[in-house]
Amino acid sequence: MSSEHPALSKAPAVTLGFWVIKILATTLGETGGDAVTMSWLGETTNRASALAWHPGYLIGAAIFGVPLAALVWAQIRAPRFNAWLFWATIVASTTAGTTLADFADRSLGVGYAGGSLLLLACVAASLWAWRRACGTVDVNTVTSPREEVFYWITVTFSQTLGTALGDWIADAGPGYLGGALVFGGALALVAGLYVATRTSRALLFWAAFILTRPLGATLGDFLDKARSAGGLELSRPVATAALGAAVVLLVLVLPQRPGRHPGRAEARA
């Protein structure tokens, strides 16, 4: 006979704790990516700023892209949800996203607006292909390699989009802290729609997931950018280490469990 049972997702349950860790992880991605490309590889020096081509961003993308690919492969191969592996992959995607967005904005010459629109199209295309192939983009259905491939492609594009979008809004006038308030307000609006309306939960999840990235990007820039540019000018490596420690602590302290979705199992007497 057949019976219904909740199948376990390879992605975590979407709770308040999930969003807190996600915002910290994306802030870490911004300071960590900048620590490599700007501090270590010197992309903010006067000499580098005068060049049309900025190889440091591409080198940084390669540095973070290799562990991201390895972690995604490990995540897909894992038989069940593993909180440490999942959050390590998220951090890798957000650091790689930081360097990729900076490469698109500054090395390809498309600017913040062009980079944001290009990456928004990539996110939309990824979600469209995922829905067409699997029938839904609900993260609670991420239980097989096919869904996981779509999930991590969409995650990486959204992390990259968030960096470009955060830079675009901050540079347009509000500054880093003002930009953080803009994206924080947008997240509050999404939360309100979740509570007060019957808007698609999958749509609201991806809207919130995308918005947490520019929120983290603007917060990260506020921490490590020069005081003359509106930042606190904290050490990028120190800020990255502190944020990393906070992520580790919260993963330890907050409940970590896989998401669930209705599944059908065959049981024979």
C-alpha atoms as a PDB file:
ATOM      1  CA  MET A   1       0.000   0.000   0.000  1.00  0.00           C
ATOM      2  CA  SER A   2       1.101   3.640  -0.325  1.00  0.00           C
ATOM      3  CA  SER A   3       1.268   6.245   2.380  1.00  0.00           C
ATOM      4  CA  GLU A   4       2.065   9.944   2.609  1.00  0.00           C
ATOM      5  CA  HIS A   5       5.008  11.095   4.671  1.00  0.00           C
ATOM      6  CA  PRO A   6       7.009  14.328   4.942  1.00  0.00           C
ATOM      7  CA  ALA A   7      10.184  14.039   2.878  1.00  0.00           C
ATOM      8  CA  LEU A   8      13.259  15.822   4.210  1.00  0.00           C
ATOM      9  CA  SER A   9      14.801  18.578   2.122  1.00  0.00           C
ATOM     10  CA  LYS A  10      18.545  19.098   1.671  1.00  0.00           C
ATOM     11  CA  ALA A  11      17.951  22.795   2.489  1.00  0.00           C
ATOM     12  CA  PRO A  12      17.259  23.987   6.045  1.00  0.00           C
ATOM     13  CA  ALA A  13      13.842  24.880   7.405  1.00  0.00           C
ATOM     14  CA  VAL A  14      13.133  28.575   6.788  1.00  0.00           C
ATOM     15  CA  THR A  15      12.991  30.057  10.279  1.00  0.00           C
ATOM     16  CA  LEU A  16      13.924  33.388  11.854  1.00  0.00           C
ATOM     17  CA  GLY A  17      17.276  31.833  12.779  1.00  0.00           C
ATOM     18  CA  PHE A  18      17.843  30.950   9.118  1.00  0.00           C
ATOM     19  CA  TRP A  19      17.456  34.590   8.089  1.00  0.00           C
ATOM     20  CA  VAL A  20      19.714  35.876  10.889  1.00  0.00           C
ATOM     21  CA  ILE A  21      22.523  33.502   9.867  1.00  0.00           C
ATOM     22  CA  LYS A  22      21.948  34.280   6.181  1.00  0.00           C
ATOM     23  CA  ILE A  23      22.370  38.035   6.747  1.00  0.00           C
ATOM     24  CA  LEU A  24      25.552  37.486   8.783  1.00  0.00           C
ATOM     25  CA  ALA A  25      26.899  35.082   6.136  1.00  0.00           C
ATOM     26  CA  THR A  26      26.275  37.589   3.348  1.00  0.00           C
ATOM     27  CA  THR A  27      27.934  40.370   5.344  1.00  0.00           C
ATOM     28  CA  LEU A  28      30.890  38.010   5.840  1.00  0.00           C
ATOM     29  CA  GLY A  29      30.928  37.381   2.093  1.00  0.00           C
ATOM     30  CA  GLU A  30      31.300  41.094   1.415  1.00  0.00           C
ATOM     31  CA  THR A  31      34.128  41.707   3.886  1.00  0.00           C
ATOM     32  CA  GLY A  32      35.846  38.423   2.967  1.00  0.00           C
ATOM     33  CA  GLY A  33      35.669  39.066  -0.770  1.00  0.00           C
ATOM     34  CA  ASP A  34      36.933  42.623  -0.318  1.00  0.00           C
ATOM     35  CA  ALA A  35      39.736  41.420   1.964  1.00  0.00           C
ATOM     36  CA  VAL A  36      41.096  39.280  -0.878  1.00  0.00           C
ATOM     37  CA  THR A  37      40.521  41.503  -3.915  1.00  0.00           C
ATOM     38  CA  MET A  38      40.964  44.953  -2.388  1.00  0.00           C
ATOM     39  CA  SER A  39      43.340  44.438   0.537  1.00  0.00           C
ATOM     40  CA  TRP A  40      45.408  41.449  -0.596  1.00  0.00           C
ATOM     41  CA  LEU A  41      45.336  41.862  -4.397  1.00  0.00           C
ATOM     42  CA  GLY A  42      45.406  45.658  -4.201  1.00  0.00           C
ATOM     43  CA  GLU A  43      42.388  46.588  -6.309  1.00  0.00           C
ATOM     44  CA  THR A  44      41.841  49.788  -4.319  1.00  0.00           C
ATOM     45  CA  THR A  45      45.367  51.151  -4.812  1.00  0.00           C
ATOM     46  CA  ASN A  46      45.781  54.269  -6.963  1.00  0.00           C
ATOM     47  CA  ARG A  47      47.668  52.248  -9.574  1.00  0.00           C
ATOM     48  CA  ALA A  48      44.955  49.625  -9.852  1.00  0.00           C
ATOM     49  CA  SER A  49      42.152  52.215  -9.874  1.00  0.00           C
ATOM     50  CA  ALA A  50      43.740  53.921 -12.876  1.00  0.00           C
ATOM     51  CA  LEU A  51      43.568  50.736 -14.966  1.00  0.00           C
ATOM     52  CA  ALA A  52      40.603  49.860 -17.175  1.00  0.00           C
ATOM     53  CA  TRP A  53      41.130  46.160 -16.518  1.00  0.00           C
ATOM     54  CA  HIS A  54      41.005  44.855 -12.934  1.00  0.00           C
ATOM     55  CA  PRO A  55      42.436  41.320 -12.858  1.00  0.00           C
ATOM     56  CA  GLY A  56      42.261  41.149  -9.069  1.00  0.00           C
ATOM     57  CA  TYR A  57      38.498  40.669  -9.162  1.00  0.00           C
ATOM     58  CA  LEU A  58      38.786  37.810 -11.641  1.00  0.00           C
ATOM     59  CA  ILE A  59      41.570  36.205  -9.585  1.00  0.00           C
ATOM     60  CA  GLY A  60      39.425  36.585  -6.468  1.00  0.00           C
ATOM     61  CA  ALA A  61      36.479  34.978  -8.249  1.00  0.00           C
ATOM     62  CA  ALA A  62      38.707  32.008  -9.137  1.00  0.00           C
ATOM     63  CA  ILE A  63      40.026  31.765  -5.575  1.00  0.00           C
ATOM     64  CA  PHE A  64      36.514  31.544  -4.165  1.00  0.00           C
ATOM     65  CA  GLY A  65      34.996  29.725  -7.139  1.00  0.00           C
ATOM     66  CA  VAL A  66      37.089  26.584  -6.660  1.00  0.00           C
ATOM     67  CA  PRO A  67      35.959  25.882  -3.067  1.00  0.00           C
ATOM     68  CA  LEU A  68      32.400  26.835  -4.038  1.00  0.00           C
ATOM     69  CA  ALA A  69      32.356  24.191  -6.781  1.00  0.00           C
ATOM     70  CA  ALA A  70      33.842  21.609  -4.395  1.00  0.00           C
ATOM     71  CA  LEU A  71      31.320  22.418  -1.664  1.00  0.00           C
ATOM     72  CA  VAL A  72      28.361  22.304  -4.044  1.00  0.00           C
ATOM     73  CA  TRP A  73      29.561  18.900  -5.263  1.00  0.00           C
ATOM     74  CA  ALA A  74      29.868  17.704  -1.644  1.00  0.00           C
ATOM     75  CA  GLN A  75      26.432  19.137  -0.840  1.00  0.00           C
ATOM     76  CA  ILE A  76      24.835  17.265  -3.737  1.00  0.00           C
ATOM     77  CA  ARG A  77      26.649  14.050  -2.819  1.00  0.00           C
ATOM     78  CA  ALA A  78      25.638  14.258   0.859  1.00  0.00           C
ATOM     79  CA  PRO A  79      22.822  11.800   1.685  1.00  0.00           C
ATOM     80  CA  ARG A  80      21.002  14.248   3.953  1.00  0.00           C
ATOM     81  CA  PHE A  81      20.959  17.819   5.220  1.00  0.00           C
ATOM     82  CA  ASN A  82      24.181  18.815   6.969  1.00  0.00           C
ATOM     83  CA  ALA A  83      24.065  22.253   8.604  1.00  0.00           C
ATOM     84  CA  TRP A  84      27.854  22.846   8.532  1.00  0.00           C
ATOM     85  CA  LEU A  85      28.157  21.839   4.896  1.00  0.00           C
ATOM     86  CA  PHE A  86      25.136  23.925   3.908  1.00  0.00           C
ATOM     87  CA  TRP A  87      26.334  27.131   5.597  1.00  0.00           C
ATOM     88  CA  ALA A  88      29.897  26.655   4.364  1.00  0.00           C
ATOM     89  CA  THR A  89      28.479  26.487   0.832  1.00  0.00           C
ATOM     90  CA  ILE A  90      26.393  29.611   1.423  1.00  0.00           C
ATOM     91  CA  VAL A  91      29.471  31.515   2.640  1.00  0.00           C
ATOM     92  CA  ALA A  92      31.454  30.297  -0.383  1.00  0.00           C
ATOM     93  CA  SER A  93      28.676  31.413  -2.728  1.00  0.00           C
ATOM     94  CA  THR A  94      28.455  34.862  -1.180  1.00  0.00           C
ATOM     95  CA  THR A  95      32.237  35.482  -1.248  1.00  0.00           C
ATOM     96  CA  ALA A  96      32.406  34.256  -4.843  1.00  0.00           C
ATOM     97  CA  GLY A  97      29.364  36.417  -5.607  1.00  0.00           C
ATOM     98  CA  THR A  98      31.118  39.492  -4.216  1.00  0.00           C
ATOM     99  CA  THR A  99      34.151  39.079  -6.453  1.00  0.00           C
ATOM    100  CA  LEU A 100      32.096  38.105  -9.524  1.00  0.00           C
ATOM    101  CA  ALA A 101      29.850  41.153  -9.158  1.00  0.00           C
ATOM    102  CA  ASP A 102      32.843  43.460  -8.753  1.00  0.00           C
ATOM    103  CA  PHE A 103      34.393  41.888 -11.855  1.00  0.00           C
ATOM    104  CA  ALA A 104      31.183  42.471 -13.855  1.00  0.00           C
ATOM    105  CA  ASP A 105      30.713  46.031 -12.586  1.00  0.00           C
ATOM    106  CA  ARG A 106      34.299  47.233 -12.823  1.00  0.00           C
ATOM    107  CA  SER A 107      36.254  45.016 -15.211  1.00  0.00           C
ATOM    108  CA  LEU A 108      33.548  44.480 -17.839  1.00  0.00           C
ATOM    109  CA  GLY A 109      32.623  48.156 -17.721  1.00  0.00           C
ATOM    110  CA  VAL A 110      28.857  47.655 -17.442  1.00  0.00           C
ATOM    111  CA  GLY A 111      28.604  49.626 -14.204  1.00  0.00           C
ATOM    112  CA  TYR A 112      26.418  48.918 -11.194  1.00  0.00           C
ATOM    113  CA  ALA A 113      23.150  49.332 -13.099  1.00  0.00           C
ATOM    114  CA  GLY A 114      24.266  47.162 -15.997  1.00  0.00           C
ATOM    115  CA  GLY A 115      25.669  44.502 -13.675  1.00  0.00           C
ATOM    116  CA  SER A 116      22.488  44.445 -11.587  1.00  0.00           C
ATOM    117  CA  LEU A 117      20.212  44.102 -14.624  1.00  0.00           C
ATOM    118  CA  LEU A 118      22.421  41.418 -16.177  1.00  0.00           C
ATOM    119  CA  LEU A 119      22.470  39.381 -12.974  1.00  0.00           C
ATOM    120  CA  LEU A 120      18.737  39.891 -12.377  1.00  0.00           C
ATOM    121  CA  ALA A 121      18.167  38.353 -15.809  1.00  0.00           C
ATOM    122  CA  CYS A 122      20.390  35.402 -14.785  1.00  0.00           C
ATOM    123  CA  VAL A 123      18.381  34.834 -11.583  1.00  0.00           C
ATOM    124  CA  ALA A 124      15.085  35.044 -13.492  1.00  0.00           C
ATOM    125  CA  ALA A 125      16.359  32.623 -16.143  1.00  0.00           C
ATOM    126  CA  SER A 126      17.542  30.174 -13.490  1.00  0.00           C
ATOM    127  CA  LEU A 127      14.194  30.251 -11.657  1.00  0.00           C
ATOM    128  CA  TRP A 128      12.303  29.893 -14.946  1.00  0.00           C
ATOM    129  CA  ALA A 129      14.371  26.871 -15.995  1.00  0.00           C
ATOM    130  CA  TRP A 130      14.005  25.320 -12.531  1.00  0.00           C
ATOM    131  CA  ARG A 131      10.219  25.728 -12.523  1.00  0.00           C
ATOM    132  CA  ARG A 132       9.940  24.423 -16.070  1.00  0.00           C
ATOM    133  CA  ALA A 133      12.031  21.345 -15.276  1.00  0.00           C
ATOM    134  CA  CYS A 134      10.639  20.537 -11.815  1.00  0.00           C
ATOM    135  CA  GLY A 135       7.251  22.240 -11.639  1.00  0.00           C
ATOM    136  CA  THR A 136       8.130  24.394  -8.615  1.00  0.00           C
ATOM    137  CA  VAL A 137      10.921  26.513  -7.146  1.00  0.00           C
ATOM    138  CA  ASP A 138       9.921  25.763  -3.550  1.00  0.00           C
ATOM    139  CA  VAL A 139      13.111  25.150  -1.529  1.00  0.00           C
ATOM    140  CA  ASN A 140      11.331  22.464   0.479  1.00  0.00           C
ATOM    141  CA  THR A 141      11.439  20.270  -2.627  1.00  0.00           C
ATOM    142  CA  VAL A 142      15.254  20.263  -2.787  1.00  0.00           C
ATOM    143  CA  THR A 143      15.619  16.528  -2.208  1.00  0.00           C
ATOM    144  CA  SER A 144      17.379  15.234  -5.331  1.00  0.00           C
ATOM    145  CA  PRO A 145      20.497  16.199  -7.328  1.00  0.00           C
ATOM    146  CA  ARG A 146      18.401  17.805 -10.080  1.00  0.00           C
ATOM    147  CA  GLU A 147      16.702  20.228  -7.691  1.00  0.00           C
ATOM    148  CA  GLU A 148      19.991  20.879  -5.898  1.00  0.00           C
ATOM    149  CA  VAL A 149      21.768  21.881  -9.090  1.00  0.00           C
ATOM    150  CA  PHE A 150      19.037  24.432  -9.848  1.00  0.00           C
ATOM    151  CA  TYR A 151      19.027  25.572  -6.213  1.00  0.00           C
ATOM    152  CA  TRP A 152      22.760  26.301  -6.030  1.00  0.00           C
ATOM    153  CA  ILE A 153      22.864  27.954  -9.457  1.00  0.00           C
ATOM    154  CA  THR A 154      20.037  30.252  -8.356  1.00  0.00           C
ATOM    155  CA  VAL A 155      21.698  30.885  -4.992  1.00  0.00           C
ATOM    156  CA  THR A 156      25.004  31.867  -6.604  1.00  0.00           C
ATOM    157  CA  PHE A 157      23.353  34.176  -9.135  1.00  0.00           C
ATOM    158  CA  SER A 158      21.276  35.798  -6.374  1.00  0.00           C
ATOM    159  CA  GLN A 159      24.352  36.315  -4.183  1.00  0.00           C
ATOM    160  CA  THR A 160      26.158  37.954  -7.098  1.00  0.00           C
ATOM    161  CA  LEU A 161      23.123  40.099  -7.952  1.00  0.00           C
ATOM    162  CA  GLY A 162      22.884  41.262  -4.351  1.00  0.00           C
ATOM    163  CA  THR A 163      26.420  42.628  -4.354  1.00  0.00           C
ATOM    164  CA  ALA A 164      25.878  44.619  -7.530  1.00  0.00           C
ATOM    165  CA  LEU A 165      22.475  45.860  -6.338  1.00  0.00           C
ATOM    166  CA  GLY A 166      23.849  46.915  -2.958  1.00  0.00           C
ATOM    167  CA  ASP A 167      26.708  48.847  -4.570  1.00  0.00           C
ATOM    168  CA  TRP A 168      24.299  50.482  -7.039  1.00  0.00           C
ATOM    169  CA  ILE A 169      21.872  51.738  -4.392  1.00  0.00           C
ATOM    170  CA  ALA A 170      24.597  52.837  -1.947  1.00  0.00           C
ATOM    171  CA  ASP A 171      26.432  54.721  -4.713  1.00  0.00           C
ATOM    172  CA  ALA A 172      23.213  56.390  -5.886  1.00  0.00           C
ATOM    173  CA  GLY A 173      23.001  58.538  -2.772  1.00  0.00           C
ATOM    174  CA  PRO A 174      21.937  56.811   0.461  1.00  0.00           C
ATOM    175  CA  GLY A 175      25.444  55.573   1.246  1.00  0.00           C
ATOM    176  CA  TYR A 176      26.228  52.244   2.889  1.00  0.00           C
ATOM    177  CA  LEU A 177      24.173  52.669   6.058  1.00  0.00           C
ATOM    178  CA  GLY A 178      21.319  54.287   4.146  1.00  0.00           C
ATOM    179  CA  GLY A 179      21.406  51.440   1.641  1.00  0.00           C
ATOM    180  CA  ALA A 180      21.190  48.934   4.486  1.00  0.00           C
ATOM    181  CA  LEU A 181      18.090  50.732   5.754  1.00  0.00           C
ATOM    182  CA  VAL A 182      16.541  50.643   2.259  1.00  0.00           C
ATOM    183  CA  PHE A 183      17.033  46.894   1.933  1.00  0.00           C
ATOM    184  CA  GLY A 184      16.010  46.302   5.537  1.00  0.00           C
ATOM    185  CA  GLY A 185      12.766  48.141   4.805  1.00  0.00           C
ATOM    186  CA  ALA A 186      12.217  46.062   1.668  1.00  0.00           C
ATOM    187  CA  LEU A 187      12.700  42.883   3.737  1.00  0.00           C
ATOM    188  CA  ALA A 188      10.155  44.153   6.277  1.00  0.00           C
ATOM    189  CA  LEU A 189       7.694  44.657   3.401  1.00  0.00           C
ATOM    190  CA  VAL A 190       8.243  41.069   2.227  1.00  0.00           C
ATOM    191  CA  ALA A 191       7.673  39.856   5.801  1.00  0.00           C
ATOM    192  CA  GLY A 192       4.446  41.858   5.918  1.00  0.00           C
ATOM    193  CA  LEU A 193       3.250  40.263   2.679  1.00  0.00           C
ATOM    194  CA  TYR A 194       4.040  36.839   4.152  1.00  0.00           C
ATOM    195  CA  VAL A 195       1.966  37.517   7.265  1.00  0.00           C
ATOM    196  CA  ALA A 196      -0.935  39.448   5.752  1.00  0.00           C
ATOM    197  CA  THR A 197      -1.426  37.983   2.265  1.00  0.00           C
ATOM    198  CA  ARG A 198      -1.511  34.670   0.453  1.00  0.00           C
ATOM    199  CA  THR A 199       1.260  35.630  -1.958  1.00  0.00           C
ATOM    200  CA  SER A 200       3.239  32.630  -3.213  1.00  0.00           C
ATOM    201  CA  ARG A 201       5.549  31.482  -0.431  1.00  0.00           C
ATOM    202  CA  ALA A 202       8.192  30.417  -2.955  1.00  0.00           C
ATOM    203  CA  LEU A 203       8.119  33.891  -4.549  1.00  0.00           C
ATOM    204  CA  LEU A 204       8.402  35.610  -1.167  1.00  0.00           C
ATOM    205  CA  PHE A 205      11.268  33.318  -0.129  1.00  0.00           C
ATOM    206  CA  TRP A 206      13.343  34.155  -3.185  1.00  0.00           C
ATOM    207  CA  ALA A 207      12.525  37.862  -2.870  1.00  0.00           C
ATOM    208  CA  ALA A 208      13.768  37.785   0.734  1.00  0.00           C
ATOM    209  CA  PHE A 209      16.763  35.619  -0.166  1.00  0.00           C
ATOM    210  CA  ILE A 210      17.851  38.092  -2.842  1.00  0.00           C
ATOM    211  CA  LEU A 211      17.274  41.139  -0.602  1.00  0.00           C
ATOM    212  CA  THR A 212      19.346  39.765   2.274  1.00  0.00           C
ATOM    213  CA  ARG A 213      22.401  39.843   0.001  1.00  0.00           C
ATOM    214  CA  PRO A 214      22.449  43.597  -0.743  1.00  0.00           C
ATOM    215  CA  LEU A 215      21.578  44.179   2.927  1.00  0.00           C
ATOM    216  CA  GLY A 216      24.681  42.173   3.878  1.00  0.00           C
ATOM    217  CA  ALA A 217      26.719  43.872   1.150  1.00  0.00           C
ATOM    218  CA  THR A 218      25.904  47.379   2.359  1.00  0.00           C
ATOM    219  CA  LEU A 219      26.484  46.400   5.992  1.00  0.00           C
ATOM    220  CA  GLY A 220      29.834  44.834   5.053  1.00  0.00           C
ATOM    221  CA  ASP A 221      30.861  47.931   3.114  1.00  0.00           C
ATOM    222  CA  PHE A 222      29.789  50.121   6.038  1.00  0.00           C
ATOM    223  CA  LEU A 223      32.111  48.130   8.295  1.00  0.00           C
ATOM    224  CA  ASP A 224      35.225  48.124   6.105  1.00  0.00           C
ATOM    225  CA  LYS A 225      35.114  51.087   3.739  1.00  0.00           C
ATOM    226  CA  ALA A 226      37.053  54.289   4.437  1.00  0.00           C
ATOM    227  CA  ARG A 227      35.579  56.902   6.742  1.00  0.00           C
ATOM    228  CA  SER A 228      35.755  59.419   3.900  1.00  0.00           C
ATOM    229  CA  ALA A 229      33.400  57.149   1.929  1.00  0.00           C
ATOM    230  CA  GLY A 230      30.960  56.751   4.817  1.00  0.00           C
ATOM    231  CA  GLY A 231      32.331  53.554   6.363  1.00  0.00           C
ATOM    232  CA  LEU A 232      33.872  52.657   9.712  1.00  0.00           C
ATOM    233  CA  GLU A 233      37.209  51.631   8.135  1.00  0.00           C
ATOM    234  CA  LEU A 234      37.537  48.468  10.209  1.00  0.00           C
ATOM    235  CA  SER A 235      40.149  45.901   9.270  1.00  0.00           C
ATOM    236  CA  ARG A 236      38.656  43.614   6.620  1.00  0.00           C
ATOM    237  CA  PRO A 237      40.362  40.455   7.895  1.00  0.00           C
ATOM    238  CA  VAL A 238      39.340  41.222  11.487  1.00  0.00           C
ATOM    239  CA  ALA A 239      35.737  41.990  10.498  1.00  0.00           C
ATOM    240  CA  THR A 240      35.630  38.796   8.426  1.00  0.00           C
ATOM    241  CA  ALA A 241      36.969  36.709  11.314  1.00  0.00           C
ATOM    242  CA  ALA A 242      34.460  38.241  13.752  1.00  0.00           C
ATOM    243  CA  LEU A 243      31.544  37.613  11.398  1.00  0.00           C
ATOM    244  CA  GLY A 244      32.763  34.063  10.763  1.00  0.00           C
ATOM    245  CA  ALA A 245      32.881  33.410  14.506  1.00  0.00           C
ATOM    246  CA  ALA A 246      29.331  34.779  14.862  1.00  0.00           C
ATOM    247  CA  VAL A 247      28.066  32.476  12.091  1.00  0.00           C
ATOM    248  CA  VAL A 248      29.727  29.442  13.712  1.00  0.00           C
ATOM    249  CA  LEU A 249      28.266  30.348  17.113  1.00  0.00           C
ATOM    250  CA  LEU A 250      24.745  30.751  15.741  1.00  0.00           C
ATOM    251  CA  VAL A 251      24.901  27.469  13.820  1.00  0.00           C
ATOM    252  CA  LEU A 252      25.883  25.831  17.099  1.00  0.00           C
ATOM    253  CA  VAL A 253      23.240  27.569  19.198  1.00  0.00           C
ATOM    254  CA  LEU A 254      20.215  27.837  16.911  1.00  0.00           C
ATOM    255  CA  PRO A 255      18.235  24.691  15.984  1.00  0.00           C
ATOM    256  CA  GLN A 256      19.277  23.370  12.569  1.00  0.00           C
ATOM    257  CA  ARG A 257      16.842  21.026  10.869  1.00  0.00           C
ATOM    258  CA  PRO A 258      15.980  20.217   7.263  1.00  0.00           C
ATOM    259  CA  GLY A 259      12.886  21.574   5.587  1.00  0.00           C
ATOM    260  CA  ARG A 260      10.022  19.204   4.856  1.00  0.00           C
ATOM    261  CA  HIS A 261       7.581  18.716   2.029  1.00  0.00           C
ATOM    262  CA  PRO A 262       4.833  16.182   1.412  1.00  0.00           C
ATOM    263  CA  GLY A 263       6.173  13.082  -0.288  1.00  0.00           C
ATOM    264  CA  ARG A 264       4.793   9.723  -1.278  1.00  0.00           C
ATOM    265  CA  ALA A 265       6.487   6.529  -0.281  1.00  0.00           C
ATOM    266  CA  GLU A 266       5.620   3.042  -1.318  1.00  0.00           C
ATOM    267  CA  ALA A 267       5.167   0.597   1.541  1.00  0.00           C
ATOM    268  CA  ARG A 268       4.420  -3.038   0.855  1.00  0.00           C
ATOM    269  CA  ALA A 269       3.050  -5.479   3.397  1.00  0.00           C
END
